[in-house]
Amino acid sequence: MSNDAVLKLVDRFKQNRVQFIDFCRSLSEEELERDVPDSTYTVKDFVSHLGTLDPALTQQFDALAAGRAEEIGRREDGEPFDIDRYNDALVAERRGWTLDRILEEAAQNREQFLAALAKLMNEQIGQTMRFTGDNKRPPADVTFEVFLKGLTRHDAIHVADMVKALPERSEDPAIKQWINDVVVQWYQKAMAGPATR
């Protein structure tokens, strides 16, 4: 069994996170507090979101490594997992935090996330998983590898959201190149408009 495909994903996650942290650290307090258009989040809220999702995914990776393919955040009471409610609650809890504190937590969560991901084998990520959907996208069955390839772009996806509140940053060549990605652009289109549920 091999995990070369997994290790390539680990490297992609690392590269994107370094770029994301550099971007966040370049922002002023005023920029961090700006409201993001067509969102209930501020710029800093998106930083919190990217730091707080990793533990739920780490749990999913650990389950998959142990031979149990589970839905992310599967609830013991059988109720469907609501990713939007989960994200919003964690972000709200961190609204008074400094950027340093948010990034410190994110770094710890990401270290565990990457360690859990690196334990998986190529065959395991080839399994089908259930994406539970969110307030803009319906549930769907996808291979775990396809899900992970999209997830490697999660930082860039939300930088694309953040720059909506930072028009002076949107023309930065490095940022433009980073978010000018087919998956990032697809996600931005998919998430435009009102919630569907």
C-alpha atoms as a PDB file:
ATOM      1  CA  MET A   1       0.000   0.000   0.000  1.00  0.00           C
ATOM      2  CA  SER A   2       1.186   3.485  -0.855  1.00  0.00           C
ATOM      3  CA  ASN A   3       0.383   6.972   0.314  1.00  0.00           C
ATOM      4  CA  ASP A   4       2.246   9.062  -2.265  1.00  0.00           C
ATOM      5  CA  ALA A   5      -1.009  10.756  -3.361  1.00  0.00           C
ATOM      6  CA  VAL A   6      -1.751  11.567   0.281  1.00  0.00           C
ATOM      7  CA  LEU A   7       1.695  13.066   0.834  1.00  0.00           C
ATOM      8  CA  LYS A   8       1.250  15.288  -2.242  1.00  0.00           C
ATOM      9  CA  LEU A   9      -1.981  16.565  -0.671  1.00  0.00           C
ATOM     10  CA  VAL A  10      -0.160  17.191   2.626  1.00  0.00           C
ATOM     11  CA  ASP A  11       2.410  19.312   0.767  1.00  0.00           C
ATOM     12  CA  ARG A  12      -0.338  21.289  -0.984  1.00  0.00           C
ATOM     13  CA  PHE A  13      -2.064  21.964   2.338  1.00  0.00           C
ATOM     14  CA  LYS A  14       1.235  23.187   3.812  1.00  0.00           C
ATOM     15  CA  GLN A  15       2.032  25.489   0.876  1.00  0.00           C
ATOM     16  CA  ASN A  16      -1.403  27.093   0.939  1.00  0.00           C
ATOM     17  CA  ARG A  17      -1.319  27.584   4.703  1.00  0.00           C
ATOM     18  CA  VAL A  18       2.048  29.378   4.597  1.00  0.00           C
ATOM     19  CA  GLN A  19       0.672  31.729   1.951  1.00  0.00           C
ATOM     20  CA  PHE A  20      -2.510  32.233   3.975  1.00  0.00           C
ATOM     21  CA  ILE A  21      -0.661  33.095   7.199  1.00  0.00           C
ATOM     22  CA  ASP A  22       1.572  35.564   5.355  1.00  0.00           C
ATOM     23  CA  PHE A  23      -1.535  37.210   3.912  1.00  0.00           C
ATOM     24  CA  CYS A  24      -3.260  37.413   7.321  1.00  0.00           C
ATOM     25  CA  ARG A  25      -0.192  38.864   9.013  1.00  0.00           C
ATOM     26  CA  SER A  26      -0.016  41.589   6.356  1.00  0.00           C
ATOM     27  CA  LEU A  27      -3.480  42.890   7.316  1.00  0.00           C
ATOM     28  CA  SER A  28      -4.051  45.844   9.631  1.00  0.00           C
ATOM     29  CA  GLU A  29      -6.512  45.727  12.531  1.00  0.00           C
ATOM     30  CA  GLU A  30      -8.852  47.927  10.510  1.00  0.00           C
ATOM     31  CA  GLU A  31      -8.711  45.536   7.547  1.00  0.00           C
ATOM     32  CA  LEU A  32      -9.322  42.512   9.787  1.00  0.00           C
ATOM     33  CA  GLU A  33     -12.476  44.096  11.207  1.00  0.00           C
ATOM     34  CA  ARG A  34     -14.062  44.915   7.847  1.00  0.00           C
ATOM     35  CA  ASP A  35     -17.370  43.260   7.002  1.00  0.00           C
ATOM     36  CA  VAL A  36     -17.174  40.932   4.004  1.00  0.00           C
ATOM     37  CA  PRO A  37     -19.907  41.764   1.446  1.00  0.00           C
ATOM     38  CA  ASP A  38     -22.663  39.164   1.050  1.00  0.00           C
ATOM     39  CA  SER A  39     -21.512  37.428   4.232  1.00  0.00           C
ATOM     40  CA  THR A  40     -22.185  37.507   7.973  1.00  0.00           C
ATOM     41  CA  TYR A  41     -18.412  37.325   8.584  1.00  0.00           C
ATOM     42  CA  THR A  42     -15.694  39.916   8.974  1.00  0.00           C
ATOM     43  CA  VAL A  43     -12.288  39.365   7.399  1.00  0.00           C
ATOM     44  CA  LYS A  44     -10.990  38.086  10.760  1.00  0.00           C
ATOM     45  CA  ASP A  45     -13.976  35.726  11.079  1.00  0.00           C
ATOM     46  CA  PHE A  46     -12.766  33.921   7.957  1.00  0.00           C
ATOM     47  CA  VAL A  47      -9.363  33.495   9.630  1.00  0.00           C
ATOM     48  CA  SER A  48     -11.128  31.921  12.623  1.00  0.00           C
ATOM     49  CA  HIS A  49     -13.163  29.629  10.388  1.00  0.00           C
ATOM     50  CA  LEU A  50     -10.059  28.325   8.638  1.00  0.00           C
ATOM     51  CA  GLY A  51      -8.502  27.564  12.017  1.00  0.00           C
ATOM     52  CA  THR A  52     -11.465  25.828  13.607  1.00  0.00           C
ATOM     53  CA  LEU A  53     -12.640  23.322  10.993  1.00  0.00           C
ATOM     54  CA  ASP A  54      -9.524  21.136  11.217  1.00  0.00           C
ATOM     55  CA  PRO A  55     -10.451  19.172  14.404  1.00  0.00           C
ATOM     56  CA  ALA A  56     -13.647  17.814  12.816  1.00  0.00           C
ATOM     57  CA  LEU A  57     -11.662  16.763   9.754  1.00  0.00           C
ATOM     58  CA  THR A  58      -8.915  15.238  11.910  1.00  0.00           C
ATOM     59  CA  GLN A  59     -11.569  13.100  13.581  1.00  0.00           C
ATOM     60  CA  GLN A  60     -12.766  11.994  10.157  1.00  0.00           C
ATOM     61  CA  PHE A  61      -9.216  11.119   9.030  1.00  0.00           C
ATOM     62  CA  ASP A  62      -8.618   9.101  12.212  1.00  0.00           C
ATOM     63  CA  ALA A  63     -11.850   7.173  11.636  1.00  0.00           C
ATOM     64  CA  LEU A  64     -10.912   6.455   8.018  1.00  0.00           C
ATOM     65  CA  ALA A  65      -7.419   5.269   9.050  1.00  0.00           C
ATOM     66  CA  ALA A  66      -9.121   2.881  11.508  1.00  0.00           C
ATOM     67  CA  GLY A  67     -11.315   1.485   8.733  1.00  0.00           C
ATOM     68  CA  ARG A  68     -14.466   3.474   9.483  1.00  0.00           C
ATOM     69  CA  ALA A  69     -15.551   5.865   6.734  1.00  0.00           C
ATOM     70  CA  GLU A  70     -17.638   8.421   8.618  1.00  0.00           C
ATOM     71  CA  GLU A  71     -19.347  11.631   7.665  1.00  0.00           C
ATOM     72  CA  ILE A  72     -17.644  14.741   8.955  1.00  0.00           C
ATOM     73  CA  GLY A  73     -19.043  15.685  12.351  1.00  0.00           C
ATOM     74  CA  ARG A  74     -21.418  12.713  12.423  1.00  0.00           C
ATOM     75  CA  ARG A  75     -23.641  13.115  15.487  1.00  0.00           C
ATOM     76  CA  GLU A  76     -24.217  10.255  17.901  1.00  0.00           C
ATOM     77  CA  ASP A  77     -27.947  11.066  18.181  1.00  0.00           C
ATOM     78  CA  GLY A  78     -28.428  10.462  14.449  1.00  0.00           C
ATOM     79  CA  GLU A  79     -29.270  14.090  13.667  1.00  0.00           C
ATOM     80  CA  PRO A  80     -27.715  15.365  10.446  1.00  0.00           C
ATOM     81  CA  PHE A  81     -24.600  17.459  10.823  1.00  0.00           C
ATOM     82  CA  ASP A  82     -25.134  21.141  10.033  1.00  0.00           C
ATOM     83  CA  ILE A  83     -21.775  22.465   8.839  1.00  0.00           C
ATOM     84  CA  ASP A  84     -22.998  26.074   8.752  1.00  0.00           C
ATOM     85  CA  ARG A  85     -24.235  26.018  12.349  1.00  0.00           C
ATOM     86  CA  TYR A  86     -20.997  24.323  13.430  1.00  0.00           C
ATOM     87  CA  ASN A  87     -18.811  26.904  11.675  1.00  0.00           C
ATOM     88  CA  ASP A  88     -20.828  29.917  12.822  1.00  0.00           C
ATOM     89  CA  ALA A  89     -20.783  28.855  16.486  1.00  0.00           C
ATOM     90  CA  LEU A  90     -17.013  28.400  16.554  1.00  0.00           C
ATOM     91  CA  VAL A  91     -16.387  31.692  14.754  1.00  0.00           C
ATOM     92  CA  ALA A  92     -18.698  33.571  17.161  1.00  0.00           C
ATOM     93  CA  GLU A  93     -16.794  32.194  20.169  1.00  0.00           C
ATOM     94  CA  ARG A  94     -13.571  33.708  18.817  1.00  0.00           C
ATOM     95  CA  ARG A  95     -14.792  37.196  17.912  1.00  0.00           C
ATOM     96  CA  GLY A  96     -12.897  38.837  20.783  1.00  0.00           C
ATOM     97  CA  TRP A  97      -9.655  36.985  20.089  1.00  0.00           C
ATOM     98  CA  THR A  98      -6.510  38.602  18.719  1.00  0.00           C
ATOM     99  CA  LEU A  99      -5.142  37.506  15.361  1.00  0.00           C
ATOM    100  CA  ASP A 100      -2.137  35.966  17.131  1.00  0.00           C
ATOM    101  CA  ARG A 101      -4.377  33.823  19.322  1.00  0.00           C
ATOM    102  CA  ILE A 102      -6.485  32.726  16.337  1.00  0.00           C
ATOM    103  CA  LEU A 103      -3.391  31.777  14.322  1.00  0.00           C
ATOM    104  CA  GLU A 104      -1.814  29.965  17.282  1.00  0.00           C
ATOM    105  CA  GLU A 105      -4.902  27.778  17.663  1.00  0.00           C
ATOM    106  CA  ALA A 106      -5.015  27.278  13.894  1.00  0.00           C
ATOM    107  CA  ALA A 107      -1.374  26.139  13.844  1.00  0.00           C
ATOM    108  CA  GLN A 108      -1.999  23.551  16.575  1.00  0.00           C
ATOM    109  CA  ASN A 109      -5.129  22.288  14.831  1.00  0.00           C
ATOM    110  CA  ARG A 110      -3.352  22.119  11.470  1.00  0.00           C
ATOM    111  CA  GLU A 111      -0.440  20.122  12.905  1.00  0.00           C
ATOM    112  CA  GLN A 112      -2.849  17.442  14.161  1.00  0.00           C
ATOM    113  CA  PHE A 113      -4.845  17.602  10.914  1.00  0.00           C
ATOM    114  CA  LEU A 114      -1.755  16.966   8.763  1.00  0.00           C
ATOM    115  CA  ALA A 115      -0.468  14.182  11.038  1.00  0.00           C
ATOM    116  CA  ALA A 116      -3.838  12.401  10.791  1.00  0.00           C
ATOM    117  CA  LEU A 117      -4.029  12.908   7.021  1.00  0.00           C
ATOM    118  CA  ALA A 118      -0.485  11.548   6.513  1.00  0.00           C
ATOM    119  CA  LYS A 119      -1.535   8.214   8.091  1.00  0.00           C
ATOM    120  CA  LEU A 120      -3.973   7.506   5.257  1.00  0.00           C
ATOM    121  CA  MET A 121      -3.178   5.310   2.293  1.00  0.00           C
ATOM    122  CA  ASN A 122      -4.093   6.004  -1.342  1.00  0.00           C
ATOM    123  CA  GLU A 123      -6.647   3.181  -1.237  1.00  0.00           C
ATOM    124  CA  GLN A 124      -8.412   4.759   1.725  1.00  0.00           C
ATOM    125  CA  ILE A 125      -8.843   8.143   0.081  1.00  0.00           C
ATOM    126  CA  GLY A 126     -10.251   6.376  -2.968  1.00  0.00           C
ATOM    127  CA  GLN A 127     -13.364   5.491  -0.962  1.00  0.00           C
ATOM    128  CA  THR A 128     -16.660   7.285  -1.479  1.00  0.00           C
ATOM    129  CA  MET A 129     -17.727   9.666   1.267  1.00  0.00           C
ATOM    130  CA  ARG A 130     -20.931  11.548   1.948  1.00  0.00           C
ATOM    131  CA  PHE A 131     -20.659  15.334   1.725  1.00  0.00           C
ATOM    132  CA  THR A 132     -23.529  16.508   3.931  1.00  0.00           C
ATOM    133  CA  GLY A 133     -24.067  19.729   1.998  1.00  0.00           C
ATOM    134  CA  ASP A 134     -24.330  23.266   3.300  1.00  0.00           C
ATOM    135  CA  ASN A 135     -26.664  26.208   2.912  1.00  0.00           C
ATOM    136  CA  LYS A 136     -25.725  26.636  -0.765  1.00  0.00           C
ATOM    137  CA  ARG A 137     -24.807  23.123  -1.972  1.00  0.00           C
ATOM    138  CA  PRO A 138     -26.826  19.892  -1.754  1.00  0.00           C
ATOM    139  CA  PRO A 139     -25.522  16.669  -0.192  1.00  0.00           C
ATOM    140  CA  ALA A 140     -23.507  14.469  -2.555  1.00  0.00           C
ATOM    141  CA  ASP A 141     -21.389  11.334  -2.684  1.00  0.00           C
ATOM    142  CA  VAL A 142     -17.792  12.008  -3.775  1.00  0.00           C
ATOM    143  CA  THR A 143     -14.510  10.184  -3.464  1.00  0.00           C
ATOM    144  CA  PHE A 144     -12.516  11.285  -0.464  1.00  0.00           C
ATOM    145  CA  GLU A 145      -9.614  12.192  -2.762  1.00  0.00           C
ATOM    146  CA  VAL A 146     -11.781  14.611  -4.771  1.00  0.00           C
ATOM    147  CA  PHE A 147     -13.008  16.166  -1.517  1.00  0.00           C
ATOM    148  CA  LEU A 148      -9.413  16.551  -0.276  1.00  0.00           C
ATOM    149  CA  LYS A 149      -8.193  18.075  -3.549  1.00  0.00           C
ATOM    150  CA  GLY A 150     -10.881  20.716  -3.205  1.00  0.00           C
ATOM    151  CA  LEU A 151     -10.081  21.178   0.475  1.00  0.00           C
ATOM    152  CA  THR A 152      -6.419  21.934  -0.297  1.00  0.00           C
ATOM    153  CA  ARG A 153      -7.778  25.161  -1.794  1.00  0.00           C
ATOM    154  CA  HIS A 154      -9.833  26.092   1.275  1.00  0.00           C
ATOM    155  CA  ASP A 155      -7.419  28.855   2.320  1.00  0.00           C
ATOM    156  CA  ALA A 156      -7.416  30.389  -1.182  1.00  0.00           C
ATOM    157  CA  ILE A 157     -11.206  30.074  -1.409  1.00  0.00           C
ATOM    158  CA  HIS A 158     -11.653  32.210   1.674  1.00  0.00           C
ATOM    159  CA  VAL A 159      -8.923  34.670   0.718  1.00  0.00           C
ATOM    160  CA  ALA A 160     -11.110  35.244  -2.362  1.00  0.00           C
ATOM    161  CA  ASP A 161     -13.932  36.043   0.072  1.00  0.00           C
ATOM    162  CA  MET A 162     -11.741  38.247   2.245  1.00  0.00           C
ATOM    163  CA  VAL A 163     -10.502  40.413  -0.637  1.00  0.00           C
ATOM    164  CA  LYS A 164     -14.111  41.363  -1.375  1.00  0.00           C
ATOM    165  CA  ALA A 165     -13.742  43.581   1.704  1.00  0.00           C
ATOM    166  CA  LEU A 166     -10.189  44.564   0.733  1.00  0.00           C
ATOM    167  CA  PRO A 167     -10.409  46.015  -2.787  1.00  0.00           C
ATOM    168  CA  GLU A 168      -6.963  47.589  -2.408  1.00  0.00           C
ATOM    169  CA  ARG A 169      -5.531  44.068  -2.030  1.00  0.00           C
ATOM    170  CA  SER A 170      -7.408  42.486  -4.926  1.00  0.00           C
ATOM    171  CA  GLU A 171      -4.900  43.641  -7.547  1.00  0.00           C
ATOM    172  CA  ASP A 172      -1.857  42.247  -5.736  1.00  0.00           C
ATOM    173  CA  PRO A 173      -0.259  39.943  -8.356  1.00  0.00           C
ATOM    174  CA  ALA A 174       0.468  37.123  -5.877  1.00  0.00           C
ATOM    175  CA  ILE A 175      -3.104  37.155  -4.549  1.00  0.00           C
ATOM    176  CA  LYS A 176      -4.599  37.326  -8.046  1.00  0.00           C
ATOM    177  CA  GLN A 177      -2.542  34.340  -9.156  1.00  0.00           C
ATOM    178  CA  TRP A 178      -3.421  32.375  -6.004  1.00  0.00           C
ATOM    179  CA  ILE A 179      -7.186  32.818  -6.244  1.00  0.00           C
ATOM    180  CA  ASN A 180      -7.328  32.553 -10.052  1.00  0.00           C
ATOM    181  CA  ASP A 181      -7.816  28.797  -9.741  1.00  0.00           C
ATOM    182  CA  VAL A 182     -10.614  26.859 -11.432  1.00  0.00           C
ATOM    183  CA  VAL A 183     -11.794  25.273  -8.155  1.00  0.00           C
ATOM    184  CA  VAL A 184     -11.644  28.568  -6.245  1.00  0.00           C
ATOM    185  CA  GLN A 185     -13.647  30.285  -8.985  1.00  0.00           C
ATOM    186  CA  TRP A 186     -16.176  27.425  -9.130  1.00  0.00           C
ATOM    187  CA  TYR A 187     -16.673  27.653  -5.374  1.00  0.00           C
ATOM    188  CA  GLN A 188     -17.185  31.420  -5.517  1.00  0.00           C
ATOM    189  CA  LYS A 189     -19.919  30.952  -8.139  1.00  0.00           C
ATOM    190  CA  ALA A 190     -21.527  28.072  -6.234  1.00  0.00           C
ATOM    191  CA  MET A 191     -21.693  30.111  -3.032  1.00  0.00           C
ATOM    192  CA  ALA A 192     -23.040  33.297  -4.639  1.00  0.00           C
ATOM    193  CA  GLY A 193     -26.651  34.260  -4.016  1.00  0.00           C
ATOM    194  CA  PRO A 194     -29.090  33.427  -1.235  1.00  0.00           C
ATOM    195  CA  ALA A 195     -29.052  30.318   0.913  1.00  0.00           C
ATOM    196  CA  THR A 196     -31.041  27.391  -0.436  1.00  0.00           C
ATOM    197  CA  ARG A 197     -31.893  25.915   2.948  1.00  0.00           C
END
